[in-house]
PDB file of N, CA and C in Angstrom:
ATOM      1  N   MET A   1     -24.713 -42.532 -15.041  1.00  0.00           N
ATOM      2  CA  MET A   1     -24.183 -42.534 -13.690  1.00  0.00           C
ATOM      3  C   MET A   1     -22.872 -41.753 -13.623  1.00  0.00           C
ATOM      4  N   ILE A   2     -22.020 -41.968 -14.569  1.00  0.00           N
ATOM      5  CA  ILE A   2     -20.725 -41.272 -14.585  1.00  0.00           C
ATOM      6  C   ILE A   2     -20.936 -39.777 -14.825  1.00  0.00           C
ATOM      7  N   LYS A   3     -21.901 -39.454 -15.628  1.00  0.00           N
ATOM      8  CA  LYS A   3     -22.204 -38.063 -15.922  1.00  0.00           C
ATOM      9  C   LYS A   3     -22.647 -37.321 -14.651  1.00  0.00           C
ATOM     10  N   GLU A   4     -23.466 -37.937 -13.833  1.00  0.00           N
ATOM     11  CA  GLU A   4     -23.929 -37.318 -12.591  1.00  0.00           C
ATOM     12  C   GLU A   4     -22.777 -37.147 -11.610  1.00  0.00           C
ATOM     13  N   ILE A   5     -21.886 -38.107 -11.551  1.00  0.00           N
ATOM     14  CA  ILE A   5     -20.725 -38.014 -10.656  1.00  0.00           C
ATOM     15  C   ILE A   5     -19.809 -36.885 -11.113  1.00  0.00           C
ATOM     16  N   LYS A   6     -19.646 -36.765 -12.409  1.00  0.00           N
ATOM     17  CA  LYS A   6     -18.818 -35.695 -12.958  1.00  0.00           C
ATOM     18  C   LYS A   6     -19.394 -34.328 -12.583  1.00  0.00           C
ATOM     19  N   TYR A   7     -20.707 -34.150 -12.734  1.00  0.00           N
ATOM     20  CA  TYR A   7     -21.340 -32.893 -12.367  1.00  0.00           C
ATOM     21  C   TYR A   7     -21.231 -32.620 -10.870  1.00  0.00           C
ATOM     22  N   LEU A   8     -21.358 -33.641 -10.081  1.00  0.00           N
ATOM     23  CA  LEU A   8     -21.229 -33.499  -8.637  1.00  0.00           C
ATOM     24  C   LEU A   8     -19.810 -33.039  -8.269  1.00  0.00           C
ATOM     25  N   ILE A   9     -18.822 -33.599  -8.893  1.00  0.00           N
ATOM     26  CA  ILE A   9     -17.432 -33.205  -8.630  1.00  0.00           C
ATOM     27  C   ILE A   9     -17.212 -31.755  -9.055  1.00  0.00           C
ATOM     28  N   PHE A  10     -17.760 -31.342 -10.202  1.00  0.00           N
ATOM     29  CA  PHE A  10     -17.633 -29.958 -10.651  1.00  0.00           C
ATOM     30  C   PHE A  10     -18.271 -28.991  -9.643  1.00  0.00           C
ATOM     31  N   ILE A  11     -19.422 -29.341  -9.166  1.00  0.00           N
ATOM     32  CA  ILE A  11     -20.119 -28.482  -8.203  1.00  0.00           C
ATOM     33  C   ILE A  11     -19.337 -28.400  -6.900  1.00  0.00           C
ATOM     34  N   ILE A  12     -18.799 -29.503  -6.456  1.00  0.00           N
ATOM     35  CA  ILE A  12     -18.004 -29.513  -5.225  1.00  0.00           C
ATOM     36  C   ILE A  12     -16.756 -28.654  -5.397  1.00  0.00           C
ATOM     37  N   ILE A  13     -16.097 -28.758  -6.525  1.00  0.00           N
ATOM     38  CA  ILE A  13     -14.892 -27.960  -6.774  1.00  0.00           C
ATOM     39  C   ILE A  13     -15.226 -26.465  -6.807  1.00  0.00           C
ATOM     40  N   ILE A  14     -16.304 -26.106  -7.453  1.00  0.00           N
ATOM     41  CA  ILE A  14     -16.714 -24.692  -7.510  1.00  0.00           C
ATOM     42  C   ILE A  14     -17.056 -24.172  -6.122  1.00  0.00           C
ATOM     43  N   LEU A  15     -17.786 -24.945  -5.351  1.00  0.00           N
ATOM     44  CA  LEU A  15     -18.140 -24.524  -3.994  1.00  0.00           C
ATOM     45  C   LEU A  15     -16.912 -24.390  -3.104  1.00  0.00           C
ATOM     46  N   LEU A  16     -15.976 -25.305  -3.231  1.00  0.00           N
ATOM     47  CA  LEU A  16     -14.732 -25.202  -2.455  1.00  0.00           C
ATOM     48  C   LEU A  16     -13.931 -23.954  -2.848  1.00  0.00           C
ATOM     49  N   PHE A  17     -13.885 -23.687  -4.128  1.00  0.00           N
ATOM     50  CA  PHE A  17     -13.190 -22.492  -4.590  1.00  0.00           C
ATOM     51  C   PHE A  17     -13.809 -21.229  -3.999  1.00  0.00           C
ATOM     52  N   VAL A  18     -15.111 -21.126  -4.056  1.00  0.00           N
ATOM     53  CA  VAL A  18     -15.805 -19.963  -3.503  1.00  0.00           C
ATOM     54  C   VAL A  18     -15.590 -19.882  -1.994  1.00  0.00           C
ATOM     55  N   PHE A  19     -15.664 -20.991  -1.317  1.00  0.00           N
ATOM     56  CA  PHE A  19     -15.482 -21.011   0.136  1.00  0.00           C
ATOM     57  C   PHE A  19     -14.087 -20.536   0.533  1.00  0.00           C
ATOM     58  N   PHE A  20     -13.054 -21.098  -0.081  1.00  0.00           N
ATOM     59  CA  PHE A  20     -11.686 -20.731   0.289  1.00  0.00           C
ATOM     60  C   PHE A  20     -11.328 -19.307  -0.143  1.00  0.00           C
ATOM     61  N   THR A  21     -11.862 -18.876  -1.245  1.00  0.00           N
ATOM     62  CA  THR A  21     -11.613 -17.509  -1.687  1.00  0.00           C
ATOM     63  C   THR A  21     -12.238 -16.509  -0.726  1.00  0.00           C
ATOM     64  N   SER A  22     -13.475 -16.728  -0.358  1.00  0.00           N
ATOM     65  CA  SER A  22     -14.127 -15.816   0.583  1.00  0.00           C
ATOM     66  C   SER A  22     -13.492 -15.889   1.967  1.00  0.00           C
ATOM     67  N   ARG A  23     -13.068 -17.052   2.356  1.00  0.00           N
ATOM     68  CA  ARG A  23     -12.405 -17.207   3.661  1.00  0.00           C
ATOM     69  C   ARG A  23     -11.123 -16.383   3.713  1.00  0.00           C
ATOM     70  N   TYR A  24     -10.337 -16.445   2.636  1.00  0.00           N
ATOM     71  CA  TYR A  24      -9.105 -15.656   2.613  1.00  0.00           C
ATOM     72  C   TYR A  24      -9.404 -14.167   2.517  1.00  0.00           C
ATOM     73  N   TYR A  25     -10.362 -13.802   1.688  1.00  0.00           N
ATOM     74  CA  TYR A  25     -10.678 -12.400   1.475  1.00  0.00           C
ATOM     75  C   TYR A  25     -11.147 -11.725   2.764  1.00  0.00           C
ATOM     76  N   PHE A  26     -11.926 -12.410   3.568  1.00  0.00           N
ATOM     77  CA  PHE A  26     -12.455 -11.824   4.792  1.00  0.00           C
ATOM     78  C   PHE A  26     -11.590 -12.111   6.014  1.00  0.00           C
ATOM     79  N   SER A  27     -10.423 -12.677   5.830  1.00  0.00           N
ATOM     80  CA  SER A  27      -9.553 -12.988   6.965  1.00  0.00           C
ATOM     81  C   SER A  27      -8.888 -11.719   7.492  1.00  0.00           C
ATOM     82  N   ASP A  28      -8.453 -11.779   8.731  1.00  0.00           N
ATOM     83  CA  ASP A  28      -7.785 -10.640   9.360  1.00  0.00           C
ATOM     84  C   ASP A  28      -6.415 -10.383   8.730  1.00  0.00           C
ATOM     85  N   ILE A  29      -5.753 -11.407   8.314  1.00  0.00           N
ATOM     86  CA  ILE A  29      -4.435 -11.245   7.705  1.00  0.00           C
ATOM     87  C   ILE A  29      -4.545 -10.433   6.410  1.00  0.00           C
ATOM     88  N   ASN A  30      -5.506 -10.750   5.611  1.00  0.00           N
ATOM     89  CA  ASN A  30      -5.690 -10.000   4.363  1.00  0.00           C
ATOM     90  C   ASN A  30      -6.082  -8.552   4.652  1.00  0.00           C
ATOM     91  N   LYS A  31      -6.910  -8.316   5.631  1.00  0.00           N
ATOM     92  CA  LYS A  31      -7.303  -6.954   5.976  1.00  0.00           C
ATOM     93  C   LYS A  31      -6.104  -6.143   6.449  1.00  0.00           C
ATOM     94  N   LYS A  32      -5.245  -6.750   7.261  1.00  0.00           N
ATOM     95  CA  LYS A  32      -4.045  -6.063   7.730  1.00  0.00           C
ATOM     96  C   LYS A  32      -3.105  -5.742   6.578  1.00  0.00           C
ATOM     97  N   ASN A  33      -2.902  -6.710   5.696  1.00  0.00           N
ATOM     98  CA  ASN A  33      -2.001  -6.486   4.564  1.00  0.00           C
ATOM     99  C   ASN A  33      -2.529  -5.399   3.626  1.00  0.00           C
ATOM    100  N   SER A  34      -3.812  -5.401   3.383  1.00  0.00           N
ATOM    101  CA  SER A  34      -4.377  -4.380   2.500  1.00  0.00           C
ATOM    102  C   SER A  34      -4.287  -2.998   3.148  1.00  0.00           C
ATOM    103  N   TYR A  35      -4.513  -2.917   4.458  1.00  0.00           N
ATOM    104  CA  TYR A  35      -4.394  -1.636   5.154  1.00  0.00           C
ATOM    105  C   TYR A  35      -2.956  -1.143   5.115  1.00  0.00           C
ATOM    106  N   ARG A  36      -2.003  -2.017   5.346  1.00  0.00           N
ATOM    107  CA  ARG A  36      -0.591  -1.633   5.298  1.00  0.00           C
ATOM    108  C   ARG A  36      -0.206  -1.152   3.907  1.00  0.00           C
ATOM    109  N   SER A  37      -0.688  -1.823   2.913  1.00  0.00           N
ATOM    110  CA  SER A  37      -0.387  -1.429   1.539  1.00  0.00           C
ATOM    111  C   SER A  37      -0.947  -0.040   1.246  1.00  0.00           C
ATOM    112  N   LEU A  38      -2.194   0.202   1.629  1.00  0.00           N
ATOM    113  CA  LEU A  38      -2.798   1.514   1.414  1.00  0.00           C
ATOM    114  C   LEU A  38      -2.064   2.596   2.193  1.00  0.00           C
ATOM    115  N   ASN A  39      -1.630   2.262   3.385  1.00  0.00           N
ATOM    116  CA  ASN A  39      -0.899   3.217   4.208  1.00  0.00           C
ATOM    117  C   ASN A  39       0.444   3.547   3.565  1.00  0.00           C
ATOM    118  N   ASN A  40       1.137   2.564   3.039  1.00  0.00           N
ATOM    119  CA  ASN A  40       2.420   2.797   2.377  1.00  0.00           C
ATOM    120  C   ASN A  40       2.249   3.659   1.132  1.00  0.00           C
ATOM    121  N   ILE A  41       1.197   3.409   0.383  1.00  0.00           N
ATOM    122  CA  ILE A  41       0.943   4.212  -0.818  1.00  0.00           C
ATOM    123  C   ILE A  41       0.685   5.666  -0.433  1.00  0.00           C
ATOM    124  N   THR A  42      -0.073   5.883   0.617  1.00  0.00           N
ATOM    125  CA  THR A  42      -0.367   7.235   1.077  1.00  0.00           C
ATOM    126  C   THR A  42       0.908   7.947   1.513  1.00  0.00           C
ATOM    127  N   GLN A  43       1.775   7.251   2.211  1.00  0.00           N
ATOM    128  CA  GLN A  43       3.045   7.848   2.640  1.00  0.00           C
ATOM    129  C   GLN A  43       3.922   8.204   1.439  1.00  0.00           C
ATOM    130  N   LYS A  44       3.961   7.345   0.437  1.00  0.00           N
ATOM    131  CA  LYS A  44       4.758   7.628  -0.758  1.00  0.00           C
ATOM    132  C   LYS A  44       4.205   8.835  -1.506  1.00  0.00           C
ATOM    133  N   ILE A  45       2.901   8.926  -1.590  1.00  0.00           N
ATOM    134  CA  ILE A  45       2.289  10.072  -2.271  1.00  0.00           C
ATOM    135  C   ILE A  45       2.625  11.357  -1.535  1.00  0.00           C
ATOM    136  N   ASN A  46       2.520  11.344  -0.228  1.00  0.00           N
ATOM    137  CA  ASN A  46       2.833  12.540   0.557  1.00  0.00           C
ATOM    138  C   ASN A  46       4.294  12.936   0.412  1.00  0.00           C
ATOM    139  N   LEU A  47       5.180  11.965   0.331  1.00  0.00           N
ATOM    140  CA  LEU A  47       6.602  12.249   0.154  1.00  0.00           C
ATOM    141  C   LEU A  47       6.856  12.896  -1.207  1.00  0.00           C
ATOM    142  N   HIS A  48       6.223  12.400  -2.242  1.00  0.00           N
ATOM    143  CA  HIS A  48       6.423  12.962  -3.581  1.00  0.00           C
ATOM    144  C   HIS A  48       5.766  14.330  -3.728  1.00  0.00           C
ATOM    145  N   VAL A  49       4.687  14.565  -3.026  1.00  0.00           N
ATOM    146  CA  VAL A  49       4.012  15.860  -3.100  1.00  0.00           C
ATOM    147  C   VAL A  49       4.903  16.944  -2.520  1.00  0.00           C
ATOM    148  N   LYS A  50       5.642  16.629  -1.490  1.00  0.00           N
ATOM    149  CA  LYS A  50       6.544  17.612  -0.881  1.00  0.00           C
ATOM    150  C   LYS A  50       7.677  17.997  -1.820  1.00  0.00           C
ATOM    151  N   ASN A  51       8.069  17.112  -2.712  1.00  0.00           N
ATOM    152  CA  ASN A  51       9.194  17.363  -3.613  1.00  0.00           C
ATOM    153  C   ASN A  51       8.786  17.946  -4.966  1.00  0.00           C
ATOM    154  N   LEU A  52       7.535  18.233  -5.161  1.00  0.00           N
ATOM    155  CA  LEU A  52       7.085  18.801  -6.430  1.00  0.00           C
ATOM    156  C   LEU A  52       7.528  20.257  -6.552  1.00  0.00           C
ATOM    157  N   PRO A  53       8.016  20.643  -7.713  1.00  0.00           N
ATOM    158  CA  PRO A  53       8.399  22.047  -7.889  1.00  0.00           C
ATOM    159  C   PRO A  53       7.163  22.925  -8.093  1.00  0.00           C
ATOM    160  N   LEU A  54       7.279  24.156  -7.659  1.00  0.00           N
ATOM    161  CA  LEU A  54       6.182  25.104  -7.797  1.00  0.00           C
ATOM    162  C   LEU A  54       6.456  25.989  -9.009  1.00  0.00           C
ATOM    163  N   LEU A  55       5.548  25.995  -9.959  1.00  0.00           N
ATOM    164  CA  LEU A  55       5.724  26.763 -11.182  1.00  0.00           C
ATOM    165  C   LEU A  55       5.080  28.132 -11.047  1.00  0.00           C
ATOM    166  N   GLU A  56       5.696  29.111 -11.719  1.00  0.00           N
ATOM    167  CA  GLU A  56       5.157  30.466 -11.681  1.00  0.00           C
ATOM    168  C   GLU A  56       3.950  30.583 -12.609  1.00  0.00           C
ATOM    169  N   ASN A  57       3.086  31.488 -12.276  1.00  0.00           N
ATOM    170  CA  ASN A  57       1.908  31.729 -13.084  1.00  0.00           C
ATOM    171  C   ASN A  57       2.283  32.636 -14.256  1.00  0.00           C
ATOM    172  N   ASP A  58       2.159  32.147 -15.482  1.00  0.00           N
ATOM    173  CA  ASP A  58       2.488  32.947 -16.653  1.00  0.00           C
ATOM    174  C   ASP A  58       1.264  33.216 -17.528  1.00  0.00           C
ATOM    175  N   THR A  59       0.103  33.163 -16.955  1.00  0.00           N
ATOM    176  CA  THR A  59      -1.128  33.344 -17.726  1.00  0.00           C
ATOM    177  C   THR A  59      -1.828  34.669 -17.416  1.00  0.00           C
ATOM    178  N   LYS A  60      -1.140  35.598 -16.821  1.00  0.00           N
ATOM    179  CA  LYS A  60      -1.763  36.886 -16.519  1.00  0.00           C
ATOM    180  C   LYS A  60      -1.916  37.699 -17.797  1.00  0.00           C
ATOM    181  N   ASN A  61      -3.034  38.366 -17.922  1.00  0.00           N
ATOM    182  CA  ASN A  61      -3.349  39.248 -19.052  1.00  0.00           C
ATOM    183  C   ASN A  61      -3.267  38.527 -20.398  1.00  0.00           C
ATOM    184  N   ILE A  62      -3.678  37.313 -20.447  1.00  0.00           N
ATOM    185  CA  ILE A  62      -3.688  36.550 -21.687  1.00  0.00           C
ATOM    186  C   ILE A  62      -4.971  36.818 -22.481  1.00  0.00           C
ATOM    187  N   ILE A  63      -6.064  36.960 -21.802  1.00  0.00           N
ATOM    188  CA  ILE A  63      -7.357  37.121 -22.458  1.00  0.00           C
ATOM    189  C   ILE A  63      -7.563  38.586 -22.830  1.00  0.00           C
ATOM    190  N   GLU A  64      -7.930  38.803 -24.076  1.00  0.00           N
ATOM    191  CA  GLU A  64      -8.258  40.149 -24.525  1.00  0.00           C
ATOM    192  C   GLU A  64      -9.767  40.252 -24.674  1.00  0.00           C
ATOM    193  N   TYR A  65     -10.340  41.217 -23.989  1.00  0.00           N
ATOM    194  CA  TYR A  65     -11.781  41.385 -24.050  1.00  0.00           C
ATOM    195  C   TYR A  65     -12.130  42.365 -25.163  1.00  0.00           C
ATOM    196  N   ILE A  66     -13.156  42.048 -25.931  1.00  0.00           N
ATOM    197  CA  ILE A  66     -13.591  42.896 -27.036  1.00  0.00           C
ATOM    198  C   ILE A  66     -15.001  43.376 -26.737  1.00  0.00           C
ATOM    199  N   ASP A  67     -15.200  44.657 -26.918  1.00  0.00           N
ATOM    200  CA  ASP A  67     -16.535  45.211 -26.706  1.00  0.00           C
ATOM    201  C   ASP A  67     -17.435  44.826 -27.863  1.00  0.00           C
ATOM    202  N   GLU A  68     -18.632  44.434 -27.561  1.00  0.00           N
ATOM    203  CA  GLU A  68     -19.578  44.056 -28.602  1.00  0.00           C
ATOM    204  C   GLU A  68     -20.092  45.290 -29.350  1.00  0.00           C
ATOM    205  N   LYS A  69     -20.095  46.425 -28.715  1.00  0.00           N
ATOM    206  CA  LYS A  69     -20.614  47.639 -29.337  1.00  0.00           C
ATOM    207  C   LYS A  69     -19.705  48.098 -30.478  1.00  0.00           C
ATOM    208  N   SER A  70     -18.431  47.875 -30.333  1.00  0.00           N
ATOM    209  CA  SER A  70     -17.505  48.344 -31.357  1.00  0.00           C
ATOM    210  C   SER A  70     -17.475  47.447 -32.588  1.00  0.00           C
ATOM    211  N   SER A  71     -18.014  46.238 -32.458  1.00  0.00           N
ATOM    212  CA  SER A  71     -18.026  45.334 -33.607  1.00  0.00           C
ATOM    213  C   SER A  71     -19.080  45.766 -34.623  1.00  0.00           C
ATOM    214  N   LYS A  72     -18.905  45.349 -35.863  1.00  0.00           N
ATOM    215  CA  LYS A  72     -19.848  45.702 -36.912  1.00  0.00           C
ATOM    216  C   LYS A  72     -21.185  45.010 -36.673  1.00  0.00           C
ATOM    217  N   LYS A  73     -22.209  45.641 -37.224  1.00  0.00           N
ATOM    218  CA  LYS A  73     -23.526  45.037 -37.084  1.00  0.00           C
ATOM    219  C   LYS A  73     -23.602  43.795 -37.955  1.00  0.00           C
ATOM    220  N   LYS A  74     -24.165  42.771 -37.422  1.00  0.00           N
ATOM    221  CA  LYS A  74     -24.296  41.521 -38.148  1.00  0.00           C
ATOM    222  C   LYS A  74     -25.697  41.417 -38.712  1.00  0.00           C
ATOM    223  N   LYS A  75     -25.747  40.847 -39.880  1.00  0.00           N
ATOM    224  CA  LYS A  75     -27.034  40.652 -40.508  1.00  0.00           C
ATOM    225  C   LYS A  75     -27.713  39.434 -39.887  1.00  0.00           C
ATOM    226  N   ASN A  76     -28.972  39.579 -39.573  1.00  0.00           N
ATOM    227  CA  ASN A  76     -29.717  38.466 -39.003  1.00  0.00           C
ATOM    228  C   ASN A  76     -30.228  37.574 -40.129  1.00  0.00           C
ATOM    229  N   TYR A  77     -29.886  36.318 -40.048  1.00  0.00           N
ATOM    230  CA  TYR A  77     -30.342  35.355 -41.042  1.00  0.00           C
ATOM    231  C   TYR A  77     -31.468  34.522 -40.447  1.00  0.00           C
ATOM    232  N   TYR A  78     -32.429  34.272 -41.278  1.00  0.00           N
ATOM    233  CA  TYR A  78     -33.527  33.426 -40.867  1.00  0.00           C
ATOM    234  C   TYR A  78     -33.440  32.124 -41.650  1.00  0.00           C
ATOM    235  N   PHE A  79     -33.592  31.072 -40.975  1.00  0.00           N
ATOM    236  CA  PHE A  79     -33.384  29.755 -41.565  1.00  0.00           C
ATOM    237  C   PHE A  79     -34.264  29.508 -42.781  1.00  0.00           C
ATOM    238  N   TRP A  80     -35.536  29.804 -42.660  1.00  0.00           N
ATOM    239  CA  TRP A  80     -36.457  29.521 -43.761  1.00  0.00           C
ATOM    240  C   TRP A  80     -36.170  30.410 -44.976  1.00  0.00           C
ATOM    241  N   GLU A  81     -35.751  31.613 -44.749  1.00  0.00           N
ATOM    242  CA  GLU A  81     -35.413  32.490 -45.867  1.00  0.00           C
ATOM    243  C   GLU A  81     -34.193  31.973 -46.613  1.00  0.00           C
ATOM    244  N   LEU A  82     -33.241  31.447 -45.919  1.00  0.00           N
ATOM    245  CA  LEU A  82     -32.050  30.869 -46.562  1.00  0.00           C
ATOM    246  C   LEU A  82     -32.411  29.684 -47.430  1.00  0.00           C
ATOM    247  N   ILE A  83     -33.335  28.871 -46.975  1.00  0.00           N
ATOM    248  CA  ILE A  83     -33.762  27.721 -47.761  1.00  0.00           C
ATOM    249  C   ILE A  83     -34.489  28.187 -49.025  1.00  0.00           C
ATOM    250  N   ASP A  84     -35.335  29.177 -48.895  1.00  0.00           N
ATOM    251  CA  ASP A  84     -36.081  29.685 -50.049  1.00  0.00           C
ATOM    252  C   ASP A  84     -35.150  30.291 -51.089  1.00  0.00           C
ATOM    253  N   LYS A  85     -34.115  30.965 -50.679  1.00  0.00           N
ATOM    254  CA  LYS A  85     -33.193  31.600 -51.601  1.00  0.00           C
ATOM    255  C   LYS A  85     -32.370  30.575 -52.364  1.00  0.00           C
ATOM    256  N   ASN A  86     -32.078  29.458 -51.769  1.00  0.00           N
ATOM    257  CA  ASN A  86     -31.253  28.440 -52.422  1.00  0.00           C
ATOM    258  C   ASN A  86     -32.024  27.662 -53.479  1.00  0.00           C
ATOM    259  N   GLU A  87     -33.303  27.696 -53.463  1.00  0.00           N
ATOM    260  CA  GLU A  87     -34.090  26.921 -54.427  1.00  0.00           C
ATOM    261  C   GLU A  87     -34.222  27.631 -55.670  1.00  0.00           C
TER     262      GLU A  87
END
């Protein structure tokens, strides 16, 4: 009998927790506060973006292109031939 009452109390406590949590989460007050918070974060980001320094581009002419025709001819290796030679 005591065991059943204990389980009943646990279930009631869990259900109350879920009920009050969802009630607060879906309330208008929480929605307003979350919107205000998001709005404040957006304003802070925009303020910091305006104060960012602009860096000069120093990556011009960094890449050197090499013609493939001017390179030496490469020997073509075949996988099976390499295995046969090693044995």
